[in-house]
Amino acid sequence: MAQNYISRGEVITLTAGASYTSGSPYRISDFNGVALITVESGDLLSFQLEGVFEFTLSGVTVGAPIYITSGNVLTLTPTSNDLYGRAVTASDASNKFYCRILQS
């Protein structure tokens, strides 16, 4: 193995610049991910960059691009928002759906 190998890179550790809630989607420093733990500003944040997560959003269809606003809210609206991931399921009766995180 290469002697400069660090990790697979699925989870990175960042110093939180704000409060983050475990399980919530965020875009931090152009990385899309999910906070694995709840932290306050200045704490170390474990940030999952890959995987499929369950979120809530109405009107989602399979394969739909999911965007994230500057306020870290998921949306189907591309205008002025960044691509966050793709839906792997449609929204159910409770508006829950599965989203695969993408890096752009």
N, C-alpha and C. Protein backbone atom coordinates (compact mmCIF):
# COMPACT_ATOMS: atom_id res chain seq x y z
N MET A 1 0.85 -1.17 0.00
CA MET A 1 0.00 0.00 0.00
C MET A 1 0.89 1.24 0.00
N ALA A 2 0.44 2.25 -0.69
CA ALA A 2 1.20 3.51 -0.74
C ALA A 2 1.39 4.06 0.67
N GLN A 3 2.57 4.55 0.93
CA GLN A 3 2.87 5.03 2.27
C GLN A 3 2.24 6.38 2.58
N ASN A 4 1.67 7.02 1.56
CA ASN A 4 1.00 8.30 1.81
C ASN A 4 -0.52 8.15 1.86
N TYR A 5 -1.04 6.90 1.90
CA TYR A 5 -2.48 6.64 1.98
C TYR A 5 -3.00 7.11 3.33
N ILE A 6 -4.12 7.82 3.32
CA ILE A 6 -4.72 8.33 4.55
C ILE A 6 -6.01 7.58 4.88
N SER A 7 -6.97 7.58 3.96
CA SER A 7 -8.26 6.92 4.19
C SER A 7 -9.02 6.82 2.89
N ARG A 8 -10.18 6.14 2.92
CA ARG A 8 -11.03 6.04 1.73
C ARG A 8 -11.68 7.38 1.40
N GLY A 9 -11.77 8.27 2.35
CA GLY A 9 -12.32 9.59 2.09
C GLY A 9 -13.83 9.67 2.13
N GLU A 10 -14.49 8.64 2.62
CA GLU A 10 -15.95 8.66 2.72
C GLU A 10 -16.42 9.58 3.84
N VAL A 11 -15.60 9.68 4.88
CA VAL A 11 -15.89 10.57 6.00
C VAL A 11 -14.68 11.45 6.20
N ILE A 12 -14.92 12.75 6.31
CA ILE A 12 -13.83 13.67 6.61
C ILE A 12 -14.15 14.38 7.93
N THR A 13 -13.11 14.89 8.56
CA THR A 13 -13.28 15.62 9.80
C THR A 13 -12.97 17.09 9.54
N LEU A 14 -13.92 17.93 9.90
CA LEU A 14 -13.79 19.38 9.70
C LEU A 14 -13.99 20.09 11.02
N THR A 15 -13.43 21.26 11.17
CA THR A 15 -13.76 22.11 12.29
C THR A 15 -15.04 22.84 11.93
N ALA A 16 -16.07 22.65 12.73
CA ALA A 16 -17.38 23.22 12.43
C ALA A 16 -17.34 24.75 12.53
N GLY A 17 -17.82 25.39 11.47
CA GLY A 17 -17.92 26.84 11.45
C GLY A 17 -19.28 27.33 11.93
N ALA A 18 -20.16 26.39 12.28
CA ALA A 18 -21.51 26.68 12.76
C ALA A 18 -21.98 25.46 13.53
N SER A 19 -23.23 25.48 13.95
CA SER A 19 -23.83 24.31 14.58
C SER A 19 -24.36 23.38 13.50
N TYR A 20 -24.15 22.07 13.65
CA TYR A 20 -24.61 21.08 12.70
C TYR A 20 -25.36 19.98 13.45
N THR A 21 -26.42 19.46 12.82
CA THR A 21 -27.27 18.45 13.44
C THR A 21 -27.05 17.10 12.77
N SER A 22 -26.86 16.08 13.57
CA SER A 22 -26.65 14.73 13.06
C SER A 22 -27.79 14.32 12.14
N GLY A 23 -27.44 13.76 10.96
CA GLY A 23 -28.42 13.28 10.01
C GLY A 23 -28.92 14.31 9.02
N SER A 24 -28.52 15.55 9.18
CA SER A 24 -28.99 16.61 8.29
C SER A 24 -28.02 16.82 7.13
N PRO A 25 -28.58 17.23 5.97
CA PRO A 25 -27.75 17.48 4.79
C PRO A 25 -27.11 18.87 4.86
N TYR A 26 -25.87 18.96 4.40
CA TYR A 26 -25.16 20.24 4.38
C TYR A 26 -24.26 20.32 3.16
N ARG A 27 -23.95 21.53 2.79
CA ARG A 27 -22.90 21.81 1.79
C ARG A 27 -21.88 22.67 2.52
N ILE A 28 -20.69 22.12 2.73
CA ILE A 28 -19.64 22.81 3.48
C ILE A 28 -18.40 22.84 2.61
N SER A 29 -17.89 24.03 2.34
CA SER A 29 -16.67 24.19 1.53
C SER A 29 -16.77 23.43 0.22
N ASP A 30 -17.91 23.50 -0.43
CA ASP A 30 -18.19 22.84 -1.71
C ASP A 30 -18.25 21.32 -1.62
N PHE A 31 -18.30 20.76 -0.42
CA PHE A 31 -18.53 19.32 -0.22
C PHE A 31 -19.99 19.11 0.15
N ASN A 32 -20.64 18.14 -0.48
CA ASN A 32 -21.99 17.72 -0.08
C ASN A 32 -21.85 16.57 0.89
N GLY A 33 -22.63 16.59 1.97
CA GLY A 33 -22.55 15.50 2.92
C GLY A 33 -23.62 15.58 3.98
N VAL A 34 -23.47 14.68 4.96
CA VAL A 34 -24.39 14.58 6.08
C VAL A 34 -23.56 14.61 7.36
N ALA A 35 -24.00 15.41 8.31
CA ALA A 35 -23.34 15.46 9.62
C ALA A 35 -23.61 14.14 10.34
N LEU A 36 -22.56 13.49 10.80
CA LEU A 36 -22.73 12.22 11.51
C LEU A 36 -22.96 12.42 12.99
N ILE A 37 -22.60 13.59 13.50
CA ILE A 37 -22.81 13.91 14.91
C ILE A 37 -23.29 15.35 15.00
N THR A 38 -23.97 15.68 16.09
CA THR A 38 -24.41 17.05 16.34
C THR A 38 -23.27 17.78 17.04
N VAL A 39 -22.89 18.94 16.49
CA VAL A 39 -21.78 19.71 17.05
C VAL A 39 -22.13 21.19 17.07
N GLU A 40 -21.37 21.90 17.85
CA GLU A 40 -21.44 23.37 17.90
C GLU A 40 -20.25 23.94 17.16
N SER A 41 -20.32 25.20 16.84
CA SER A 41 -19.22 25.88 16.15
C SER A 41 -17.92 25.69 16.92
N GLY A 42 -16.86 25.35 16.20
CA GLY A 42 -15.55 25.13 16.80
C GLY A 42 -15.26 23.69 17.14
N ASP A 43 -16.30 22.84 17.20
CA ASP A 43 -16.11 21.41 17.47
C ASP A 43 -15.65 20.71 16.20
N LEU A 44 -15.14 19.49 16.34
CA LEU A 44 -14.79 18.67 15.19
C LEU A 44 -16.04 17.96 14.69
N LEU A 45 -16.28 18.04 13.40
CA LEU A 45 -17.45 17.46 12.75
C LEU A 45 -17.05 16.28 11.89
N SER A 46 -17.68 15.13 12.08
CA SER A 46 -17.53 13.99 11.18
C SER A 46 -18.57 14.17 10.08
N PHE A 47 -18.10 14.28 8.83
CA PHE A 47 -18.94 14.66 7.70
C PHE A 47 -18.89 13.55 6.64
N GLN A 48 -20.01 12.85 6.46
CA GLN A 48 -20.11 11.74 5.52
C GLN A 48 -20.33 12.28 4.11
N LEU A 49 -19.41 11.96 3.18
CA LEU A 49 -19.46 12.49 1.82
C LEU A 49 -20.11 11.54 0.83
N GLU A 50 -20.29 10.27 1.19
CA GLU A 50 -20.82 9.27 0.27
C GLU A 50 -21.93 8.49 0.94
N GLY A 51 -22.83 7.96 0.10
CA GLY A 51 -23.85 7.07 0.63
C GLY A 51 -25.25 7.49 0.22
N VAL A 52 -26.22 6.70 0.69
CA VAL A 52 -27.63 6.95 0.45
C VAL A 52 -28.27 7.24 1.80
N PHE A 53 -29.01 8.34 1.87
CA PHE A 53 -29.64 8.78 3.11
C PHE A 53 -31.12 9.05 2.89
N GLU A 54 -31.90 8.91 3.94
CA GLU A 54 -33.32 9.23 3.89
C GLU A 54 -33.53 10.69 4.30
N PHE A 55 -34.26 11.41 3.46
CA PHE A 55 -34.61 12.79 3.74
C PHE A 55 -36.10 12.98 3.47
N THR A 56 -36.60 14.17 3.73
CA THR A 56 -38.00 14.50 3.50
C THR A 56 -38.10 15.62 2.49
N LEU A 57 -38.86 15.37 1.41
CA LEU A 57 -39.12 16.37 0.37
C LEU A 57 -40.26 15.84 -0.48
N SER A 58 -41.25 16.67 -0.74
CA SER A 58 -42.40 16.21 -1.53
C SER A 58 -42.11 16.30 -3.02
N GLY A 59 -42.79 15.46 -3.78
CA GLY A 59 -42.71 15.52 -5.23
C GLY A 59 -41.49 14.91 -5.86
N VAL A 60 -40.72 14.15 -5.13
CA VAL A 60 -39.49 13.56 -5.65
C VAL A 60 -39.82 12.32 -6.47
N THR A 61 -39.21 12.19 -7.64
CA THR A 61 -39.34 11.00 -8.46
C THR A 61 -37.97 10.30 -8.54
N VAL A 62 -37.99 9.03 -8.85
CA VAL A 62 -36.74 8.26 -8.95
C VAL A 62 -35.83 8.90 -10.00
N GLY A 63 -34.59 9.12 -9.64
CA GLY A 63 -33.60 9.68 -10.55
C GLY A 63 -33.57 11.20 -10.58
N ALA A 64 -34.49 11.84 -9.88
CA ALA A 64 -34.55 13.31 -9.90
C ALA A 64 -33.30 13.91 -9.26
N PRO A 65 -32.76 14.97 -9.86
CA PRO A 65 -31.66 15.67 -9.20
C PRO A 65 -32.19 16.41 -7.97
N ILE A 66 -31.44 16.34 -6.91
CA ILE A 66 -31.80 17.01 -5.66
C ILE A 66 -30.78 18.13 -5.45
N TYR A 67 -31.27 19.31 -5.17
CA TYR A 67 -30.42 20.48 -4.99
C TYR A 67 -30.44 20.91 -3.53
N ILE A 68 -29.44 21.71 -3.15
CA ILE A 68 -29.37 22.23 -1.79
C ILE A 68 -29.21 23.74 -1.88
N THR A 69 -29.97 24.45 -1.05
CA THR A 69 -29.91 25.91 -1.03
C THR A 69 -28.73 26.38 -0.19
N SER A 70 -28.45 27.65 -0.23
CA SER A 70 -27.38 28.22 0.60
C SER A 70 -27.70 28.09 2.08
N GLY A 71 -28.97 27.87 2.41
CA GLY A 71 -29.40 27.66 3.79
C GLY A 71 -29.47 26.19 4.17
N ASN A 72 -28.91 25.31 3.33
CA ASN A 72 -28.86 23.87 3.56
C ASN A 72 -30.24 23.21 3.62
N VAL A 73 -31.12 23.64 2.72
CA VAL A 73 -32.45 23.05 2.58
C VAL A 73 -32.49 22.33 1.24
N LEU A 74 -32.94 21.08 1.24
CA LEU A 74 -33.04 20.33 -0.01
C LEU A 74 -34.24 20.82 -0.81
N THR A 75 -34.08 20.83 -2.15
CA THR A 75 -35.12 21.33 -3.04
C THR A 75 -35.00 20.63 -4.39
N LEU A 76 -36.06 20.73 -5.17
CA LEU A 76 -36.04 20.24 -6.55
C LEU A 76 -35.71 21.36 -7.53
N THR A 77 -35.55 22.57 -7.03
CA THR A 77 -35.33 23.75 -7.85
C THR A 77 -33.84 23.98 -8.11
N PRO A 78 -33.42 23.92 -9.39
CA PRO A 78 -32.00 24.09 -9.69
C PRO A 78 -31.51 25.54 -9.63
N THR A 79 -32.38 26.49 -9.91
CA THR A 79 -31.98 27.89 -10.01
C THR A 79 -31.36 28.39 -8.71
N SER A 80 -30.14 28.90 -8.80
CA SER A 80 -29.38 29.47 -7.67
C SER A 80 -29.06 28.46 -6.58
N ASN A 81 -29.17 27.17 -6.87
CA ASN A 81 -28.87 26.13 -5.89
C ASN A 81 -27.82 25.18 -6.46
N ASP A 82 -27.18 24.44 -5.58
CA ASP A 82 -26.13 23.49 -5.99
C ASP A 82 -26.68 22.07 -6.02
N LEU A 83 -26.21 21.28 -6.97
CA LEU A 83 -26.59 19.87 -7.03
C LEU A 83 -26.07 19.17 -5.78
N TYR A 84 -26.95 18.42 -5.11
CA TYR A 84 -26.60 17.71 -3.89
C TYR A 84 -26.54 16.20 -4.11
N GLY A 85 -27.51 15.68 -4.88
CA GLY A 85 -27.54 14.25 -5.09
C GLY A 85 -28.63 13.86 -6.07
N ARG A 86 -28.92 12.55 -6.12
CA ARG A 86 -29.99 12.02 -6.98
C ARG A 86 -30.88 11.12 -6.14
N ALA A 87 -32.18 11.21 -6.41
CA ALA A 87 -33.15 10.38 -5.70
C ALA A 87 -33.06 8.94 -6.19
N VAL A 88 -32.99 8.01 -5.26
CA VAL A 88 -33.01 6.60 -5.63
C VAL A 88 -34.37 5.98 -5.34
N THR A 89 -35.24 6.73 -4.67
CA THR A 89 -36.65 6.36 -4.51
C THR A 89 -37.49 7.61 -4.70
N ALA A 90 -38.77 7.42 -4.94
CA ALA A 90 -39.70 8.54 -5.00
C ALA A 90 -40.15 8.89 -3.59
N SER A 91 -40.69 10.08 -3.41
CA SER A 91 -41.28 10.46 -2.12
C SER A 91 -42.44 9.52 -1.81
N ASP A 92 -42.51 9.07 -0.57
CA ASP A 92 -43.64 8.23 -0.16
C ASP A 92 -44.76 9.12 0.40
N ALA A 93 -45.76 8.51 1.02
CA ALA A 93 -46.90 9.27 1.55
C ALA A 93 -46.48 10.26 2.64
N SER A 94 -45.35 10.00 3.29
CA SER A 94 -44.82 10.90 4.33
C SER A 94 -43.76 11.84 3.78
N ASN A 95 -43.61 11.87 2.43
CA ASN A 95 -42.61 12.68 1.73
C ASN A 95 -41.17 12.26 2.01
N LYS A 96 -40.98 11.04 2.53
CA LYS A 96 -39.64 10.50 2.74
C LYS A 96 -39.12 9.91 1.42
N PHE A 97 -37.85 10.07 1.17
CA PHE A 97 -37.22 9.48 -0.02
C PHE A 97 -35.77 9.22 0.30
N TYR A 98 -35.14 8.39 -0.53
CA TYR A 98 -33.72 8.09 -0.38
C TYR A 98 -32.94 8.88 -1.43
N CYS A 99 -31.83 9.45 -0.99
CA CYS A 99 -31.00 10.29 -1.86
C CYS A 99 -29.55 9.81 -1.80
N ARG A 100 -28.94 9.65 -2.97
CA ARG A 100 -27.52 9.32 -3.04
C ARG A 100 -26.76 10.63 -3.16
N ILE A 101 -25.86 10.87 -2.23
CA ILE A 101 -25.06 12.09 -2.24
C ILE A 101 -24.10 12.07 -3.44
N LEU A 102 -23.99 13.20 -4.12
CA LEU A 102 -23.04 13.36 -5.21
C LEU A 102 -22.10 14.52 -4.90
N GLN A 103 -20.88 14.44 -5.37
CA GLN A 103 -19.94 15.55 -5.27
C GLN A 103 -19.85 16.20 -6.65
N SER A 104 -19.89 17.51 -6.69
CA SER A 104 -19.83 18.18 -7.99
C SER A 104 -18.58 19.04 -8.10
